[in-house]
Amino acid sequence: MQPKLKLSELLNKKGNDSAECPFCKGQETRLHALFGSQLSTSQYYCEVCRVVFERIKWEPPLEENASSSD
């Protein structure tokens, strides 16, 4: 039986576990809640200024698709 992983560990493997704080620009943030006030947001907690903020779950388009103007 495999050990259970925490949600933050699973998200960290995908590279989605950190976000820059919009208030102090700190990088020391952690996932607070998978969903925020909308399904398309996640809540993060800033260790520096101790504020919970939301981040939109969105992946930018690939650069090669965005820069092609054919």
PDB file of N, CA and C in Angstrom:
ATOM      1  N   MET A   1       0.831  -1.175   0.000  1.00  0.00           N
ATOM      2  CA  MET A   1       0.000   0.000   0.000  1.00  0.00           C
ATOM      3  C   MET A   1       0.882   1.248   0.000  1.00  0.00           C
ATOM      4  N   GLN A   2       0.580   2.191  -0.884  1.00  0.00           N
ATOM      5  CA  GLN A   2       1.361   3.411  -0.977  1.00  0.00           C
ATOM      6  C   GLN A   2       0.932   4.397   0.095  1.00  0.00           C
ATOM      7  N   PRO A   3       1.889   5.178   0.624  1.00  0.00           N
ATOM      8  CA  PRO A   3       1.510   6.171   1.630  1.00  0.00           C
ATOM      9  C   PRO A   3       0.681   7.286   1.006  1.00  0.00           C
ATOM     10  N   LYS A   4      -0.245   7.819   1.785  1.00  0.00           N
ATOM     11  CA  LYS A   4      -1.084   8.907   1.298  1.00  0.00           C
ATOM     12  C   LYS A   4      -0.274  10.198   1.269  1.00  0.00           C
ATOM     13  N   LEU A   5      -0.454  10.963   0.226  1.00  0.00           N
ATOM     14  CA  LEU A   5       0.220  12.243   0.102  1.00  0.00           C
ATOM     15  C   LEU A   5      -0.734  13.366   0.463  1.00  0.00           C
ATOM     16  N   LYS A   6      -0.200  14.424   1.027  1.00  0.00           N
ATOM     17  CA  LYS A   6      -1.010  15.604   1.308  1.00  0.00           C
ATOM     18  C   LYS A   6      -1.328  16.310  -0.006  1.00  0.00           C
ATOM     19  N   LEU A   7      -2.393  17.083  -0.010  1.00  0.00           N
ATOM     20  CA  LEU A   7      -2.787  17.825  -1.197  1.00  0.00           C
ATOM     21  C   LEU A   7      -1.668  18.739  -1.670  1.00  0.00           C
ATOM     22  N   SER A   8      -1.005  19.415  -0.736  1.00  0.00           N
ATOM     23  CA  SER A   8       0.070  20.329  -1.124  1.00  0.00           C
ATOM     24  C   SER A   8       1.237  19.581  -1.764  1.00  0.00           C
ATOM     25  N   GLU A   9       1.500  18.344  -1.335  1.00  0.00           N
ATOM     26  CA  GLU A   9       2.559  17.551  -1.944  1.00  0.00           C
ATOM     27  C   GLU A   9       2.194  17.159  -3.368  1.00  0.00           C
ATOM     28  N   LEU A  10       0.929  16.807  -3.584  1.00  0.00           N
ATOM     29  CA  LEU A  10       0.479  16.461  -4.927  1.00  0.00           C
ATOM     30  C   LEU A  10       0.565  17.658  -5.866  1.00  0.00           C
ATOM     31  N   LEU A  11       0.121  18.817  -5.398  1.00  0.00           N
ATOM     32  CA  LEU A  11       0.172  20.015  -6.227  1.00  0.00           C
ATOM     33  C   LEU A  11       1.598  20.459  -6.479  1.00  0.00           C
ATOM     34  N   ASN A  12       2.471  20.250  -5.507  1.00  0.00           N
ATOM     35  CA  ASN A  12       3.868  20.635  -5.675  1.00  0.00           C
ATOM     36  C   ASN A  12       4.523  19.822  -6.787  1.00  0.00           C
ATOM     37  N   LYS A  13       4.130  18.568  -6.944  1.00  0.00           N
ATOM     38  CA  LYS A  13       4.662  17.738  -8.024  1.00  0.00           C
ATOM     39  C   LYS A  13       4.263  18.292  -9.385  1.00  0.00           C
ATOM     40  N   LYS A  14       3.093  18.917  -9.453  1.00  0.00           N
ATOM     41  CA  LYS A  14       2.619  19.499 -10.699  1.00  0.00           C
ATOM     42  C   LYS A  14       3.129  20.930 -10.888  1.00  0.00           C
ATOM     43  N   GLY A  15       3.761  21.513  -9.852  1.00  0.00           N
ATOM     44  CA  GLY A  15       4.283  22.862  -9.954  1.00  0.00           C
ATOM     45  C   GLY A  15       3.276  23.950  -9.687  1.00  0.00           C
ATOM     46  N   ASN A  16       2.168  23.625  -9.017  1.00  0.00           N
ATOM     47  CA  ASN A  16       1.112  24.606  -8.783  1.00  0.00           C
ATOM     48  C   ASN A  16       0.982  25.008  -7.322  1.00  0.00           C
ATOM     49  N   ASP A  17       1.972  24.715  -6.502  1.00  0.00           N
ATOM     50  CA  ASP A  17       1.819  24.911  -5.073  1.00  0.00           C
ATOM     51  C   ASP A  17       2.236  26.293  -4.580  1.00  0.00           C
ATOM     52  N   SER A  18       2.856  27.108  -5.384  1.00  0.00           N
ATOM     53  CA  SER A  18       3.291  28.406  -4.898  1.00  0.00           C
ATOM     54  C   SER A  18       2.763  29.514  -5.800  1.00  0.00           C
ATOM     55  N   ALA A  19       2.597  30.661  -5.195  1.00  0.00           N
ATOM     56  CA  ALA A  19       2.123  31.825  -5.921  1.00  0.00           C
ATOM     57  C   ALA A  19       2.750  33.055  -5.277  1.00  0.00           C
ATOM     58  N   GLU A  20       2.998  34.071  -6.065  1.00  0.00           N
ATOM     59  CA  GLU A  20       3.539  35.309  -5.512  1.00  0.00           C
ATOM     60  C   GLU A  20       2.423  36.084  -4.821  1.00  0.00           C
ATOM     61  N   CYS A  21       2.711  36.594  -3.635  1.00  0.00           N
ATOM     62  CA  CYS A  21       1.717  37.369  -2.894  1.00  0.00           C
ATOM     63  C   CYS A  21       1.488  38.700  -3.604  1.00  0.00           C
ATOM     64  N   PRO A  22       0.239  39.047  -3.894  1.00  0.00           N
ATOM     65  CA  PRO A  22      -0.034  40.306  -4.588  1.00  0.00           C
ATOM     66  C   PRO A  22       0.130  41.536  -3.684  1.00  0.00           C
ATOM     67  N   PHE A  23       0.226  41.335  -2.376  1.00  0.00           N
ATOM     68  CA  PHE A  23       0.332  42.458  -1.450  1.00  0.00           C
ATOM     69  C   PHE A  23       1.785  42.829  -1.156  1.00  0.00           C
ATOM     70  N   CYS A  24       2.613  41.828  -0.817  1.00  0.00           N
ATOM     71  CA  CYS A  24       4.007  42.126  -0.458  1.00  0.00           C
ATOM     72  C   CYS A  24       5.010  41.577  -1.464  1.00  0.00           C
ATOM     73  N   LYS A  25       4.521  40.901  -2.510  1.00  0.00           N
ATOM     74  CA  LYS A  25       5.356  40.279  -3.541  1.00  0.00           C
ATOM     75  C   LYS A  25       6.246  39.166  -2.986  1.00  0.00           C
ATOM     76  N   GLY A  26       5.880  38.632  -1.821  1.00  0.00           N
ATOM     77  CA  GLY A  26       6.635  37.547  -1.206  1.00  0.00           C
ATOM     78  C   GLY A  26       6.441  36.229  -1.937  1.00  0.00           C
ATOM     79  N   GLN A  27       7.469  35.403  -1.902  1.00  0.00           N
ATOM     80  CA  GLN A  27       7.426  34.081  -2.528  1.00  0.00           C
ATOM     81  C   GLN A  27       7.141  32.971  -1.519  1.00  0.00           C
ATOM     82  N   GLU A  28       7.110  33.302  -0.242  1.00  0.00           N
ATOM     83  CA  GLU A  28       6.894  32.317   0.815  1.00  0.00           C
ATOM     84  C   GLU A  28       5.395  32.135   1.048  1.00  0.00           C
ATOM     85  N   THR A  29       4.749  31.441   0.111  1.00  0.00           N
ATOM     86  CA  THR A  29       3.317  31.199   0.193  1.00  0.00           C
ATOM     87  C   THR A  29       3.049  29.708   0.210  1.00  0.00           C
ATOM     88  N   ARG A  30       1.880  29.352   0.711  1.00  0.00           N
ATOM     89  CA  ARG A  30       1.473  27.943   0.714  1.00  0.00           C
ATOM     90  C   ARG A  30      -0.004  27.863   0.362  1.00  0.00           C
ATOM     91  N   LEU A  31      -0.389  26.724  -0.161  1.00  0.00           N
ATOM     92  CA  LEU A  31      -1.783  26.495  -0.507  1.00  0.00           C
ATOM     93  C   LEU A  31      -2.618  26.456   0.763  1.00  0.00           C
ATOM     94  N   HIS A  32      -3.658  27.253   0.805  1.00  0.00           N
ATOM     95  CA  HIS A  32      -4.539  27.331   1.978  1.00  0.00           C
ATOM     96  C   HIS A  32      -5.816  26.528   1.734  1.00  0.00           C
ATOM     97  N   ALA A  33      -6.387  26.650   0.535  1.00  0.00           N
ATOM     98  CA  ALA A  33      -7.601  25.905   0.173  1.00  0.00           C
ATOM     99  C   ALA A  33      -7.588  25.677  -1.333  1.00  0.00           C
ATOM    100  N   LEU A  34      -7.988  24.499  -1.738  1.00  0.00           N
ATOM    101  CA  LEU A  34      -7.976  24.160  -3.155  1.00  0.00           C
ATOM    102  C   LEU A  34      -8.943  25.028  -3.950  1.00  0.00           C
ATOM    103  N   PHE A  35     -10.065  25.404  -3.334  1.00  0.00           N
ATOM    104  CA  PHE A  35     -11.042  26.254  -4.014  1.00  0.00           C
ATOM    105  C   PHE A  35     -11.254  27.528  -3.212  1.00  0.00           C
ATOM    106  N   GLY A  36     -11.405  28.635  -3.928  1.00  0.00           N
ATOM    107  CA  GLY A  36     -11.686  29.917  -3.294  1.00  0.00           C
ATOM    108  C   GLY A  36     -13.156  30.243  -3.402  1.00  0.00           C
ATOM    109  N   SER A  37     -13.457  31.514  -3.626  1.00  0.00           N
ATOM    110  CA  SER A  37     -14.854  31.922  -3.736  1.00  0.00           C
ATOM    111  C   SER A  37     -15.490  31.437  -5.036  1.00  0.00           C
ATOM    112  N   GLN A  38     -14.675  31.067  -5.996  1.00  0.00           N
ATOM    113  CA  GLN A  38     -15.137  30.492  -7.267  1.00  0.00           C
ATOM    114  C   GLN A  38     -14.386  29.183  -7.495  1.00  0.00           C
ATOM    115  N   LEU A  39     -14.927  28.311  -8.319  1.00  0.00           N
ATOM    116  CA  LEU A  39     -14.239  27.052  -8.625  1.00  0.00           C
ATOM    117  C   LEU A  39     -12.935  27.284  -9.381  1.00  0.00           C
ATOM    118  N   SER A  40     -12.827  28.417 -10.037  1.00  0.00           N
ATOM    119  CA  SER A  40     -11.638  28.696 -10.845  1.00  0.00           C
ATOM    120  C   SER A  40     -10.518  29.361 -10.051  1.00  0.00           C
ATOM    121  N   THR A  41     -10.652  29.471  -8.730  1.00  0.00           N
ATOM    122  CA  THR A  41      -9.607  30.084  -7.909  1.00  0.00           C
ATOM    123  C   THR A  41      -9.159  29.134  -6.807  1.00  0.00           C
ATOM    124  N   SER A  42      -7.944  29.352  -6.336  1.00  0.00           N
ATOM    125  CA  SER A  42      -7.400  28.665  -5.167  1.00  0.00           C
ATOM    126  C   SER A  42      -7.003  29.715  -4.156  1.00  0.00           C
ATOM    127  N   GLN A  43      -7.028  29.369  -2.874  1.00  0.00           N
ATOM    128  CA  GLN A  43      -6.610  30.302  -1.835  1.00  0.00           C
ATOM    129  C   GLN A  43      -5.209  29.945  -1.361  1.00  0.00           C
ATOM    130  N   TYR A  44      -4.383  30.966  -1.206  1.00  0.00           N
ATOM    131  CA  TYR A  44      -3.016  30.820  -0.728  1.00  0.00           C
ATOM    132  C   TYR A  44      -2.816  31.681   0.507  1.00  0.00           C
ATOM    133  N   TYR A  45      -1.868  31.278   1.354  1.00  0.00           N
ATOM    134  CA  TYR A  45      -1.534  32.023   2.559  1.00  0.00           C
ATOM    135  C   TYR A  45      -0.102  32.510   2.442  1.00  0.00           C
ATOM    136  N   CYS A  46       0.111  33.806   2.678  1.00  0.00           N
ATOM    137  CA  CYS A  46       1.447  34.387   2.620  1.00  0.00           C
ATOM    138  C   CYS A  46       2.067  34.341   4.017  1.00  0.00           C
ATOM    139  N   GLU A  47       3.224  33.720   4.136  1.00  0.00           N
ATOM    140  CA  GLU A  47       3.921  33.615   5.413  1.00  0.00           C
ATOM    141  C   GLU A  47       4.546  34.942   5.823  1.00  0.00           C
ATOM    142  N   VAL A  48       4.794  35.837   4.875  1.00  0.00           N
ATOM    143  CA  VAL A  48       5.457  37.106   5.162  1.00  0.00           C
ATOM    144  C   VAL A  48       4.478  38.115   5.755  1.00  0.00           C
ATOM    145  N   CYS A  49       3.385  38.409   5.037  1.00  0.00           N
ATOM    146  CA  CYS A  49       2.429  39.427   5.512  1.00  0.00           C
ATOM    147  C   CYS A  49       1.182  38.817   6.157  1.00  0.00           C
ATOM    148  N   ARG A  50       1.107  37.485   6.211  1.00  0.00           N
ATOM    149  CA  ARG A  50       0.023  36.746   6.878  1.00  0.00           C
ATOM    150  C   ARG A  50      -1.357  37.083   6.327  1.00  0.00           C
ATOM    151  N   VAL A  51      -1.465  37.075   5.015  1.00  0.00           N
ATOM    152  CA  VAL A  51      -2.723  37.377   4.340  1.00  0.00           C
ATOM    153  C   VAL A  51      -3.116  36.181   3.473  1.00  0.00           C
ATOM    154  N   VAL A  52      -4.408  35.867   3.463  1.00  0.00           N
ATOM    155  CA  VAL A  52      -4.936  34.852   2.555  1.00  0.00           C
ATOM    156  C   VAL A  52      -5.401  35.575   1.293  1.00  0.00           C
ATOM    157  N   PHE A  53      -4.969  35.068   0.133  1.00  0.00           N
ATOM    158  CA  PHE A  53      -5.369  35.678  -1.136  1.00  0.00           C
ATOM    159  C   PHE A  53      -5.760  34.586  -2.108  1.00  0.00           C
ATOM    160  N   GLU A  54      -6.449  34.972  -3.165  1.00  0.00           N
ATOM    161  CA  GLU A  54      -6.889  34.019  -4.175  1.00  0.00           C
ATOM    162  C   GLU A  54      -6.078  34.166  -5.449  1.00  0.00           C
ATOM    163  N   ARG A  55      -5.904  33.057  -6.131  1.00  0.00           N
ATOM    164  CA  ARG A  55      -5.193  33.036  -7.404  1.00  0.00           C
ATOM    165  C   ARG A  55      -6.052  32.279  -8.400  1.00  0.00           C
ATOM    166  N   ILE A  56      -6.185  32.827  -9.580  1.00  0.00           N
ATOM    167  CA  ILE A  56      -6.964  32.163 -10.618  1.00  0.00           C
ATOM    168  C   ILE A  56      -6.185  30.973 -11.152  1.00  0.00           C
ATOM    169  N   LYS A  57      -6.869  29.843 -11.278  1.00  0.00           N
ATOM    170  CA  LYS A  57      -6.251  28.643 -11.857  1.00  0.00           C
ATOM    171  C   LYS A  57      -6.288  28.803 -13.370  1.00  0.00           C
ATOM    172  N   TRP A  58      -5.163  29.088 -13.940  1.00  0.00           N
ATOM    173  CA  TRP A  58      -5.097  29.325 -15.380  1.00  0.00           C
ATOM    174  C   TRP A  58      -3.714  28.995 -15.867  1.00  0.00           C
ATOM    175  N   GLU A  59      -3.626  28.304 -16.967  1.00  0.00           N
ATOM    176  CA  GLU A  59      -2.339  28.021 -17.579  1.00  0.00           C
ATOM    177  C   GLU A  59      -2.216  28.860 -18.835  1.00  0.00           C
ATOM    178  N   PRO A  60      -1.117  29.617 -18.959  1.00  0.00           N
ATOM    179  CA  PRO A  60      -0.951  30.450 -20.147  1.00  0.00           C
ATOM    180  C   PRO A  60      -0.803  29.598 -21.401  1.00  0.00           C
ATOM    181  N   PRO A  61      -1.180  30.134 -22.553  1.00  0.00           N
ATOM    182  CA  PRO A  61      -1.017  29.369 -23.788  1.00  0.00           C
ATOM    183  C   PRO A  61       0.454  29.146 -24.092  1.00  0.00           C
ATOM    184  N   LEU A  62       0.728  28.121 -24.857  1.00  0.00           N
ATOM    185  CA  LEU A  62       2.107  27.856 -25.258  1.00  0.00           C
ATOM    186  C   LEU A  62       2.638  29.021 -26.069  1.00  0.00           C
ATOM    187  N   GLU A  63       3.911  29.366 -25.845  1.00  0.00           N
ATOM    188  CA  GLU A  63       4.501  30.525 -26.528  1.00  0.00           C
ATOM    189  C   GLU A  63       4.490  30.347 -28.044  1.00  0.00           C
ATOM    190  N   GLU A  64       4.738  29.147 -28.496  1.00  0.00           N
ATOM    191  CA  GLU A  64       4.786  28.929 -29.948  1.00  0.00           C
ATOM    192  C   GLU A  64       3.418  29.155 -30.592  1.00  0.00           C
ATOM    193  N   ASN A  65       2.337  28.821 -29.865  1.00  0.00           N
ATOM    194  CA  ASN A  65       0.996  29.073 -30.392  1.00  0.00           C
ATOM    195  C   ASN A  65       0.626  30.545 -30.315  1.00  0.00           C
ATOM    196  N   ALA A  66       1.070  31.217 -29.277  1.00  0.00           N
ATOM    197  CA  ALA A  66       0.712  32.618 -29.077  1.00  0.00           C
ATOM    198  C   ALA A  66       1.479  33.541 -30.029  1.00  0.00           C
ATOM    199  N   SER A  67       2.692  33.153 -30.421  1.00  0.00           N
ATOM    200  CA  SER A  67       3.511  34.046 -31.240  1.00  0.00           C
ATOM    201  C   SER A  67       3.343  33.804 -32.745  1.00  0.00           C
ATOM    202  N   SER A  68       2.679  32.724 -33.124  1.00  0.00           N
ATOM    203  CA  SER A  68       2.520  32.479 -34.552  1.00  0.00           C
ATOM    204  C   SER A  68       1.413  33.350 -35.125  1.00  0.00           C
ATOM    205  N   SER A  69       1.705  34.049 -36.189  1.00  0.00           N
ATOM    206  CA  SER A  69       0.716  34.928 -36.809  1.00  0.00           C
ATOM    207  C   SER A  69       0.501  34.550 -38.267  1.00  0.00           C
ATOM    208  N   ASP A  70       0.311  33.264 -38.505  1.00  0.00           N
ATOM    209  CA  ASP A  70       0.096  32.773 -39.876  1.00  0.00           C
ATOM    210  C   ASP A  70      -1.280  33.069 -40.356  1.00  0.00           C
TER     211      ASP A  70
END
